[in-house]
Amino acid sequence: KPKPSEYRLYVGGKFVTFRVPEGHGDWEHVCA
């Protein structure tokens, strides 16, 4: 998670970015 509004998934050294709303200070569940 490079910043509150982004998740990155790396596979074999390359990545894709998923832009997300900033959390509201709650648990975040992620599956990739």
Full PDB file with SEQRES, HELIX, SHEET, SSBOND, CRYST1, ORIGX, SCALE, CONECT and MASTER records, all heavy atoms in Angstrom:
SEQRES   1 A   32  LYS PRO LYS PRO SER GLU TYR ARG LEU TYR VAL GLY GLY          
SEQRES   2 A   32  LYS PHE VAL THR PHE ARG VAL PRO GLU GLY HIS GLY ASP          
SEQRES   3 A   32  TRP GLU HIS VAL CYS ALA                                      
SHEET    1 AA1 2 GLU A   6  VAL A  11  0                                        
SHEET    2 AA1 2 LYS A  14  ARG A  19 -1                                        
CRYST1    1.000    1.000    1.000  90.00  90.00  90.00 P 1           1          
ORIGX1      1.000000  0.000000  0.000000        0.00000                         
ORIGX2      0.000000  1.000000  0.000000        0.00000                         
ORIGX3      0.000000  0.000000  1.000000        0.00000                         
SCALE1      1.000000  0.000000  0.000000        0.00000                         
SCALE2      0.000000  1.000000  0.000000        0.00000                         
SCALE3      0.000000  0.000000  1.000000        0.00000                         
ATOM      1  N   LYS A   1       0.848  -1.192   0.000  1.00  0.00           N  
ATOM      2  CA  LYS A   1       0.000   0.000   0.000  1.00  0.00           C  
ATOM      3  C   LYS A   1       0.883   1.241   0.000  1.00  0.00           C  
ATOM      4  O   LYS A   1       1.368   1.670   1.042  1.00  0.00           O  
ATOM      5  CB  LYS A   1      -0.917  -0.027   1.225  1.00  0.00           C  
ATOM      6  CG  LYS A   1      -2.136   0.848   1.003  1.00  0.00           C  
ATOM      7  CD  LYS A   1      -3.256   0.603   1.982  1.00  0.00           C  
ATOM      8  CE  LYS A   1      -4.430   1.483   1.573  1.00  0.00           C  
ATOM      9  NZ  LYS A   1      -5.388   1.722   2.618  1.00  0.00           N  
ATOM     10  N   PRO A   2       1.131   1.835  -1.190  1.00  0.00           N  
ATOM     11  CA  PRO A   2       2.033   2.992  -1.242  1.00  0.00           C  
ATOM     12  C   PRO A   2       1.448   4.239  -0.598  1.00  0.00           C  
ATOM     13  O   PRO A   2       2.169   5.075  -0.079  1.00  0.00           O  
ATOM     14  CB  PRO A   2       2.263   3.229  -2.735  1.00  0.00           C  
ATOM     15  CG  PRO A   2       1.259   2.420  -3.458  1.00  0.00           C  
ATOM     16  CD  PRO A   2       0.676   1.409  -2.515  1.00  0.00           C  
ATOM     17  N   LYS A   3       0.123   4.377  -0.624  1.00  0.00           N  
ATOM     18  CA  LYS A   3      -0.551   5.510   0.018  1.00  0.00           C  
ATOM     19  C   LYS A   3      -1.997   5.123   0.307  1.00  0.00           C  
ATOM     20  O   LYS A   3      -2.465   4.096  -0.196  1.00  0.00           O  
ATOM     21  CB  LYS A   3      -0.464   6.760  -0.850  1.00  0.00           C  
ATOM     22  CG  LYS A   3      -0.966   6.624  -2.255  1.00  0.00           C  
ATOM     23  CD  LYS A   3      -0.613   7.895  -3.034  1.00  0.00           C  
ATOM     24  CE  LYS A   3      -1.132   7.811  -4.454  1.00  0.00           C  
ATOM     25  NZ  LYS A   3      -0.565   8.830  -5.325  1.00  0.00           N  
ATOM     26  N   PRO A   4      -2.719   5.934   1.102  1.00  0.00           N  
ATOM     27  CA  PRO A   4      -4.054   5.515   1.522  1.00  0.00           C  
ATOM     28  C   PRO A   4      -5.031   5.244   0.371  1.00  0.00           C  
ATOM     29  O   PRO A   4      -5.972   4.482   0.545  1.00  0.00           O  
ATOM     30  CB  PRO A   4      -4.534   6.697   2.376  1.00  0.00           C  
ATOM     31  CG  PRO A   4      -3.282   7.305   2.911  1.00  0.00           C  
ATOM     32  CD  PRO A   4      -2.269   7.152   1.818  1.00  0.00           C  
ATOM     33  N   SER A   5      -4.786   5.811  -0.798  1.00  0.00           N  
ATOM     34  CA  SER A   5      -5.742   5.656  -1.900  1.00  0.00           C  
ATOM     35  C   SER A   5      -5.282   4.648  -2.959  1.00  0.00           C  
ATOM     36  O   SER A   5      -5.794   4.647  -4.070  1.00  0.00           O  
ATOM     37  CB  SER A   5      -5.978   7.007  -2.564  1.00  0.00           C  
ATOM     38  OG  SER A   5      -4.744   7.500  -3.057  1.00  0.00           O  
ATOM     39  N   GLU A   6      -4.309   3.797  -2.616  1.00  0.00           N  
ATOM     40  CA  GLU A   6      -3.775   2.855  -3.603  1.00  0.00           C  
ATOM     41  C   GLU A   6      -3.347   1.542  -2.975  1.00  0.00           C  
ATOM     42  O   GLU A   6      -2.783   1.538  -1.882  1.00  0.00           O  
ATOM     43  CB  GLU A   6      -2.512   3.435  -4.268  1.00  0.00           C  
ATOM     44  CG  GLU A   6      -2.756   4.178  -5.545  1.00  0.00           C  
ATOM     45  CD  GLU A   6      -1.457   4.711  -6.152  1.00  0.00           C  
ATOM     46  OE1 GLU A   6      -0.392   4.077  -6.021  1.00  0.00           O  
ATOM     47  OE2 GLU A   6      -1.523   5.787  -6.733  1.00  0.00           O  
ATOM     48  N   TYR A   7      -3.615   0.468  -3.694  1.00  0.00           N  
ATOM     49  CA  TYR A   7      -2.992  -0.825  -3.397  1.00  0.00           C  
ATOM     50  C   TYR A   7      -2.219  -1.251  -4.636  1.00  0.00           C  
ATOM     51  O   TYR A   7      -2.646  -0.981  -5.757  1.00  0.00           O  
ATOM     52  CB  TYR A   7      -4.036  -1.901  -3.103  1.00  0.00           C  
ATOM     53  CG  TYR A   7      -4.599  -1.861  -1.707  1.00  0.00           C  
ATOM     54  CD1 TYR A   7      -5.748  -1.124  -1.422  1.00  0.00           C  
ATOM     55  CD2 TYR A   7      -4.004  -2.576  -0.667  1.00  0.00           C  
ATOM     56  CE1 TYR A   7      -6.273  -1.100  -0.140  1.00  0.00           C  
ATOM     57  CE2 TYR A   7      -4.529  -2.561   0.612  1.00  0.00           C  
ATOM     58  CZ  TYR A   7      -5.668  -1.825   0.874  1.00  0.00           C  
ATOM     59  OH  TYR A   7      -6.183  -1.798   2.134  1.00  0.00           O  
ATOM     60  N   ARG A   8      -1.110  -1.939  -4.405  1.00  0.00           N  
ATOM     61  CA  ARG A   8      -0.343  -2.495  -5.512  1.00  0.00           C  
ATOM     62  C   ARG A   8      -0.226  -3.995  -5.340  1.00  0.00           C  
ATOM     63  O   ARG A   8       0.084  -4.470  -4.241  1.00  0.00           O  
ATOM     64  CB  ARG A   8       1.070  -1.929  -5.526  1.00  0.00           C  
ATOM     65  CG  ARG A   8       1.195  -0.655  -6.293  1.00  0.00           C  
ATOM     66  CD  ARG A   8       2.659  -0.259  -6.344  1.00  0.00           C  
ATOM     67  NE  ARG A   8       2.764   1.152  -6.661  1.00  0.00           N  
ATOM     68  CZ  ARG A   8       3.875   1.851  -6.546  1.00  0.00           C  
ATOM     69  NH1 ARG A   8       4.987   1.262  -6.104  1.00  0.00           N  
ATOM     70  NH2 ARG A   8       3.892   3.127  -6.857  1.00  0.00           N  
ATOM     71  N   LEU A   9      -0.419  -4.714  -6.440  1.00  0.00           N  
ATOM     72  CA  LEU A   9      -0.162  -6.145  -6.455  1.00  0.00           C  
ATOM     73  C   LEU A   9       1.026  -6.401  -7.376  1.00  0.00           C  
ATOM     74  O   LEU A   9       0.991  -6.032  -8.554  1.00  0.00           O  
ATOM     75  CB  LEU A   9      -1.386  -6.905  -6.969  1.00  0.00           C  
ATOM     76  CG  LEU A   9      -1.156  -8.405  -7.222  1.00  0.00           C  
ATOM     77  CD1 LEU A   9      -0.859  -9.144  -5.926  1.00  0.00           C  
ATOM     78  CD2 LEU A   9      -2.340  -9.023  -7.948  1.00  0.00           C  
ATOM     79  N   TYR A  10       2.066  -7.007  -6.814  1.00  0.00           N  
ATOM     80  CA  TYR A  10       3.241  -7.406  -7.593  1.00  0.00           C  
ATOM     81  C   TYR A  10       3.183  -8.903  -7.864  1.00  0.00           C  
ATOM     82  O   TYR A  10       2.853  -9.682  -6.967  1.00  0.00           O  
ATOM     83  CB  TYR A  10       4.537  -7.160  -6.812  1.00  0.00           C  
ATOM     84  CG  TYR A  10       4.973  -5.734  -6.667  1.00  0.00           C  
ATOM     85  CD1 TYR A  10       4.334  -4.881  -5.778  1.00  0.00           C  
ATOM     86  CD2 TYR A  10       6.075  -5.252  -7.370  1.00  0.00           C  
ATOM     87  CE1 TYR A  10       4.773  -3.564  -5.609  1.00  0.00           C  
ATOM     88  CE2 TYR A  10       6.515  -3.948  -7.208  1.00  0.00           C  
ATOM     89  CZ  TYR A  10       5.864  -3.115  -6.326  1.00  0.00           C  
ATOM     90  OH  TYR A  10       6.288  -1.825  -6.151  1.00  0.00           O  
ATOM     91  N   VAL A  11       3.531  -9.282  -9.090  1.00  0.00           N  
ATOM     92  CA  VAL A  11       3.762 -10.687  -9.433  1.00  0.00           C  
ATOM     93  C   VAL A  11       5.061 -10.735 -10.225  1.00  0.00           C  
ATOM     94  O   VAL A  11       5.198 -10.049 -11.243  1.00  0.00           O  
ATOM     95  CB  VAL A  11       2.606 -11.268 -10.284  1.00  0.00           C  
ATOM     96  CG1 VAL A  11       2.911 -12.707 -10.688  1.00  0.00           C  
ATOM     97  CG2 VAL A  11       1.289 -11.198  -9.526  1.00  0.00           C  
ATOM     98  N   GLY A  12       6.033 -11.491  -9.728  1.00  0.00           N  
ATOM     99  CA  GLY A  12       7.302 -11.624 -10.435  1.00  0.00           C  
ATOM    100  C   GLY A  12       7.994 -10.299 -10.705  1.00  0.00           C  
ATOM    101  O   GLY A  12       8.603 -10.105 -11.749  1.00  0.00           O  
ATOM    102  N   GLY A  13       7.890  -9.360  -9.749  1.00  0.00           N  
ATOM    103  CA  GLY A  13       8.612  -8.087  -9.851  1.00  0.00           C  
ATOM    104  C   GLY A  13       7.898  -6.985 -10.613  1.00  0.00           C  
ATOM    105  O   GLY A  13       8.299  -5.836 -10.576  1.00  0.00           O  
ATOM    106  N   LYS A  14       6.803  -7.317 -11.337  1.00  0.00           N  
ATOM    107  CA  LYS A  14       5.999  -6.301 -12.031  1.00  0.00           C  
ATOM    108  C   LYS A  14       4.742  -6.037 -11.201  1.00  0.00           C  
ATOM    109  O   LYS A  14       4.290  -6.923 -10.476  1.00  0.00           O  
ATOM    110  CB  LYS A  14       5.586  -6.795 -13.417  1.00  0.00           C  
ATOM    111  CG  LYS A  14       6.730  -7.245 -14.320  1.00  0.00           C  
ATOM    112  CD  LYS A  14       7.263  -6.079 -15.107  1.00  0.00           C  
ATOM    113  CE  LYS A  14       8.124  -6.409 -16.304  1.00  0.00           C  
ATOM    114  NZ  LYS A  14       9.069  -7.502 -16.176  1.00  0.00           N  
ATOM    115  N   PHE A  15       4.167  -4.822 -11.336  1.00  0.00           N  
ATOM    116  CA  PHE A  15       2.980  -4.560 -10.516  1.00  0.00           C  
ATOM    117  C   PHE A  15       1.873  -3.866 -11.293  1.00  0.00           C  
ATOM    118  O   PHE A  15       2.105  -3.252 -12.334  1.00  0.00           O  
ATOM    119  CB  PHE A  15       3.344  -3.746  -9.264  1.00  0.00           C  
ATOM    120  CG  PHE A  15       3.743  -2.315  -9.526  1.00  0.00           C  
ATOM    121  CD1 PHE A  15       2.795  -1.306  -9.585  1.00  0.00           C  
ATOM    122  CD2 PHE A  15       5.083  -1.970  -9.691  1.00  0.00           C  
ATOM    123  CE1 PHE A  15       3.163   0.012  -9.808  1.00  0.00           C  
ATOM    124  CE2 PHE A  15       5.465  -0.653  -9.922  1.00  0.00           C  
ATOM    125  CZ  PHE A  15       4.496   0.339  -9.980  1.00  0.00           C  
ATOM    126  N   VAL A  16       0.663  -3.989 -10.749  1.00  0.00           N  
ATOM    127  CA  VAL A  16      -0.477  -3.190 -11.190  1.00  0.00           C  
ATOM    128  C   VAL A  16      -1.003  -2.436  -9.965  1.00  0.00           C  
ATOM    129  O   VAL A  16      -0.847  -2.897  -8.829  1.00  0.00           O  
ATOM    130  CB  VAL A  16      -1.614  -4.038 -11.812  1.00  0.00           C  
ATOM    131  CG1 VAL A  16      -1.236  -4.480 -13.215  1.00  0.00           C  
ATOM    132  CG2 VAL A  16      -1.988  -5.224 -10.944  1.00  0.00           C  
ATOM    133  N   THR A  17      -1.593  -1.282 -10.215  1.00  0.00           N  
ATOM    134  CA  THR A  17      -2.096  -0.419  -9.142  1.00  0.00           C  
ATOM    135  C   THR A  17      -3.616  -0.399  -9.169  1.00  0.00           C  
ATOM    136  O   THR A  17      -4.217  -0.263 -10.236  1.00  0.00           O  
ATOM    137  CB  THR A  17      -1.563   1.015  -9.333  1.00  0.00           C  
ATOM    138  OG1 THR A  17      -0.131   0.975  -9.274  1.00  0.00           O  
ATOM    139  CG2 THR A  17      -2.084   1.954  -8.251  1.00  0.00           C  
ATOM    140  N   PHE A  18      -4.208  -0.538  -8.005  1.00  0.00           N  
ATOM    141  CA  PHE A  18      -5.663  -0.409  -7.858  1.00  0.00           C  
ATOM    142  C   PHE A  18      -5.938   0.819  -7.004  1.00  0.00           C  
ATOM    143  O   PHE A  18      -5.483   0.899  -5.860  1.00  0.00           O  
ATOM    144  CB  PHE A  18      -6.246  -1.672  -7.213  1.00  0.00           C  
ATOM    145  CG  PHE A  18      -6.065  -2.897  -8.057  1.00  0.00           C  
ATOM    146  CD1 PHE A  18      -4.954  -3.722  -7.887  1.00  0.00           C  
ATOM    147  CD2 PHE A  18      -6.982  -3.224  -9.043  1.00  0.00           C  
ATOM    148  CE1 PHE A  18      -4.771  -4.850  -8.676  1.00  0.00           C  
ATOM    149  CE2 PHE A  18      -6.809  -4.355  -9.835  1.00  0.00           C  
ATOM    150  CZ  PHE A  18      -5.696  -5.164  -9.651  1.00  0.00           C  
ATOM    151  N   ARG A  19      -6.641   1.788  -7.601  1.00  0.00           N  
ATOM    152  CA  ARG A  19      -6.936   3.025  -6.873  1.00  0.00           C  
ATOM    153  C   ARG A  19      -8.234   2.848  -6.101  1.00  0.00           C  
ATOM    154  O   ARG A  19      -9.228   2.400  -6.660  1.00  0.00           O  
ATOM    155  CB  ARG A  19      -7.037   4.188  -7.862  1.00  0.00           C  
ATOM    156  CG  ARG A  19      -5.665   4.562  -8.376  1.00  0.00           C  
ATOM    157  CD  ARG A  19      -5.636   5.547  -9.522  1.00  0.00           C  
ATOM    158  NE  ARG A  19      -4.276   5.612 -10.059  1.00  0.00           N  
ATOM    159  CZ  ARG A  19      -3.789   4.747 -10.943  1.00  0.00           C  
ATOM    160  NH1 ARG A  19      -4.547   3.771 -11.411  1.00  0.00           N  
ATOM    161  NH2 ARG A  19      -2.541   4.853 -11.352  1.00  0.00           N  
ATOM    162  N   VAL A  20      -8.192   3.189  -4.828  1.00  0.00           N  
ATOM    163  CA  VAL A  20      -9.324   2.924  -3.938  1.00  0.00           C  
ATOM    164  C   VAL A  20      -9.686   4.191  -3.170  1.00  0.00           C  
ATOM    165  O   VAL A  20      -8.861   5.095  -3.051  1.00  0.00           O  
ATOM    166  CB  VAL A  20      -8.975   1.794  -2.930  1.00  0.00           C  
ATOM    167  CG1 VAL A  20      -8.647   0.503  -3.669  1.00  0.00           C  
ATOM    168  CG2 VAL A  20      -7.824   2.186  -2.016  1.00  0.00           C  
ATOM    169  N   PRO A  21     -10.925   4.269  -2.657  1.00  0.00           N  
ATOM    170  CA  PRO A  21     -11.236   5.412  -1.789  1.00  0.00           C  
ATOM    171  C   PRO A  21     -10.414   5.304  -0.504  1.00  0.00           C  
ATOM    172  O   PRO A  21     -10.122   4.188  -0.063  1.00  0.00           O  
ATOM    173  CB  PRO A  21     -12.729   5.238  -1.466  1.00  0.00           C  
ATOM    174  CG  PRO A  21     -13.178   4.003  -2.143  1.00  0.00           C  
ATOM    175  CD  PRO A  21     -12.026   3.327  -2.792  1.00  0.00           C  
ATOM    176  N   GLU A  22     -10.038   6.432   0.053  1.00  0.00           N  
ATOM    177  CA  GLU A  22      -9.304   6.382   1.319  1.00  0.00           C  
ATOM    178  C   GLU A  22     -10.212   5.791   2.387  1.00  0.00           C  
ATOM    179  O   GLU A  22     -11.390   6.102   2.454  1.00  0.00           O  
ATOM    180  CB  GLU A  22      -8.838   7.779   1.724  1.00  0.00           C  
ATOM    181  CG  GLU A  22      -7.713   8.254   0.834  1.00  0.00           C  
ATOM    182  CD  GLU A  22      -6.943   9.432   1.417  1.00  0.00           C  
ATOM    183  OE1 GLU A  22      -6.961   9.610   2.649  1.00  0.00           O  
ATOM    184  OE2 GLU A  22      -6.329  10.165   0.621  1.00  0.00           O  
ATOM    185  N   GLY A  23      -9.630   4.939   3.229  1.00  0.00           N  
ATOM    186  CA  GLY A  23     -10.408   4.272   4.273  1.00  0.00           C  
ATOM    187  C   GLY A  23     -10.914   5.258   5.309  1.00  0.00           C  
ATOM    188  O   GLY A  23     -10.437   6.380   5.412  1.00  0.00           O  
ATOM    189  N   HIS A  24     -11.880   4.789   6.079  1.00  0.00           N  
ATOM    190  CA  HIS A  24     -12.445   5.644   7.142  1.00  0.00           C  
ATOM    191  C   HIS A  24     -11.950   5.189   8.500  1.00  0.00           C  
ATOM    192  O   HIS A  24     -12.685   5.129   9.461  1.00  0.00           O  
ATOM    193  CB  HIS A  24     -13.969   5.589   7.083  1.00  0.00           C  
ATOM    194  CG  HIS A  24     -14.520   6.032   5.773  1.00  0.00           C  
ATOM    195  ND1 HIS A  24     -14.363   7.318   5.309  1.00  0.00           N  
ATOM    196  CD2 HIS A  24     -15.199   5.366   4.808  1.00  0.00           C  
ATOM    197  CE1 HIS A  24     -14.929   7.424   4.106  1.00  0.00           C  
ATOM    198  NE2 HIS A  24     -15.434   6.249   3.781  1.00  0.00           N  
ATOM    199  N   GLY A  25     -10.677   4.803   8.548  1.00  0.00           N  
ATOM    200  CA  GLY A  25     -10.113   4.366   9.824  1.00  0.00           C  
ATOM    201  C   GLY A  25     -10.782   3.105  10.325  1.00  0.00           C  
ATOM    202  O   GLY A  25     -11.049   2.970  11.508  1.00  0.00           O  
ATOM    203  N   ASP A  26     -11.078   2.182   9.413  1.00  0.00           N  
ATOM    204  CA  ASP A  26     -11.722   0.935   9.794  1.00  0.00           C  
ATOM    205  C   ASP A  26     -10.895  -0.227   9.239  1.00  0.00           C  
ATOM    206  O   ASP A  26      -9.961  -0.028   8.477  1.00  0.00           O  
ATOM    207  CB  ASP A  26     -13.145   0.898   9.215  1.00  0.00           C  
ATOM    208  CG  ASP A  26     -14.078   0.096  10.104  1.00  0.00           C  
ATOM    209  OD1 ASP A  26     -13.592  -0.729  10.898  1.00  0.00           O  
ATOM    210  OD2 ASP A  26     -15.301   0.302   9.998  1.00  0.00           O  
ATOM    211  N   TRP A  27     -11.263  -1.449   9.624  1.00  0.00           N  
ATOM    212  CA  TRP A  27     -10.643  -2.626   9.042  1.00  0.00           C  
ATOM    213  C   TRP A  27     -10.856  -2.612   7.533  1.00  0.00           C  
ATOM    214  O   TRP A  27     -11.938  -2.256   7.071  1.00  0.00           O  
ATOM    215  CB  TRP A  27     -11.264  -3.896   9.618  1.00  0.00           C  
ATOM    216  CG  TRP A  27     -10.755  -4.247  10.979  1.00  0.00           C  
ATOM    217  CD1 TRP A  27     -11.306  -3.895  12.175  1.00  0.00           C  
ATOM    218  CD2 TRP A  27      -9.598  -5.030  11.285  1.00  0.00           C  
ATOM    219  NE1 TRP A  27     -10.555  -4.413  13.203  1.00  0.00           N  
ATOM    220  CE2 TRP A  27      -9.512  -5.110  12.690  1.00  0.00           C  
ATOM    221  CE3 TRP A  27      -8.621  -5.671  10.512  1.00  0.00           C  
ATOM    222  CZ2 TRP A  27      -8.484  -5.804  13.335  1.00  0.00           C  
ATOM    223  CZ3 TRP A  27      -7.603  -6.374  11.146  1.00  0.00           C  
ATOM    224  CH2 TRP A  27      -7.542  -6.431  12.550  1.00  0.00           C  
ATOM    225  N   GLU A  28      -9.832  -2.983   6.779  1.00  0.00           N  
ATOM    226  CA  GLU A  28      -9.971  -3.157   5.323  1.00  0.00           C  
ATOM    227  C   GLU A  28      -9.647  -4.604   4.984  1.00  0.00           C  
ATOM    228  O   GLU A  28      -8.596  -5.118   5.390  1.00  0.00           O  
ATOM    229  CB  GLU A  28      -9.017  -2.211   4.570  1.00  0.00           C  
ATOM    230  CG  GLU A  28      -9.445  -0.769   4.661  1.00  0.00           C  
ATOM    231  CD  GLU A  28      -8.695   0.160   3.704  1.00  0.00           C  
ATOM    232  OE1 GLU A  28      -7.779  -0.295   2.980  1.00  0.00           O  
ATOM    233  OE2 GLU A  28      -9.033   1.359   3.700  1.00  0.00           O  
ATOM    234  N   HIS A  29     -10.557  -5.232   4.275  1.00  0.00           N  
ATOM    235  CA  HIS A  29     -10.324  -6.609   3.840  1.00  0.00           C  
ATOM    236  C   HIS A  29      -9.961  -6.584   2.361  1.00  0.00           C  
ATOM    237  O   HIS A  29     -10.701  -6.029   1.551  1.00  0.00           O  
ATOM    238  CB  HIS A  29     -11.576  -7.458   4.054  1.00  0.00           C  
ATOM    239  CG  HIS A  29     -11.367  -8.895   3.688  1.00  0.00           C  
ATOM    240  ND1 HIS A  29     -11.712  -9.406   2.457  1.00  0.00           N  
ATOM    241  CD2 HIS A  29     -10.823  -9.927   4.377  1.00  0.00           C  
ATOM    242  CE1 HIS A  29     -11.386 -10.696   2.417  1.00  0.00           C  
ATOM    243  NE2 HIS A  29     -10.847 -11.036   3.557  1.00  0.00           N  
ATOM    244  N   VAL A  30      -8.819  -7.167   2.013  1.00  0.00           N  
ATOM    245  CA  VAL A  30      -8.412  -7.214   0.611  1.00  0.00           C  
ATOM    246  C   VAL A  30      -8.144  -8.652   0.185  1.00  0.00           C  
ATOM    247  O   VAL A  30      -7.639  -9.462   0.970  1.00  0.00           O  
ATOM    248  CB  VAL A  30      -7.154  -6.350   0.318  1.00  0.00           C  
ATOM    249  CG1 VAL A  30      -7.447  -4.885   0.543  1.00  0.00           C  
ATOM    250  CG2 VAL A  30      -5.970  -6.790   1.136  1.00  0.00           C  
ATOM    251  N   CYS A  31      -8.524  -8.944  -1.045  1.00  0.00           N  
ATOM    252  CA  CYS A  31      -8.148 -10.193  -1.691  1.00  0.00           C  
ATOM    253  C   CYS A  31      -7.593  -9.837  -3.059  1.00  0.00           C  
ATOM    254  O   CYS A  31      -8.156  -8.988  -3.758  1.00  0.00           O  
ATOM    255  CB  CYS A  31      -9.347 -11.115  -1.903  1.00  0.00           C  
ATOM    256  SG  CYS A  31      -9.948 -11.934  -0.422  1.00  0.00           S  
ATOM    257  N   ALA A  32      -6.493 -10.485  -3.414  1.00  0.00           N  
ATOM    258  CA  ALA A  32      -5.928 -10.296  -4.749  1.00  0.00           C  
ATOM    259  C   ALA A  32      -5.685 -11.667  -5.342  1.00  0.00           C  
ATOM    260  O   ALA A  32      -5.158 -12.556  -4.659  1.00  0.00           O  
ATOM    261  CB  ALA A  32      -4.617  -9.527  -4.668  1.00  0.00           C  
TER     262      ALA A  32                                                      
MASTER        0    0    0    0    2    0    0    6  261    1    0    3          
END                                                                             
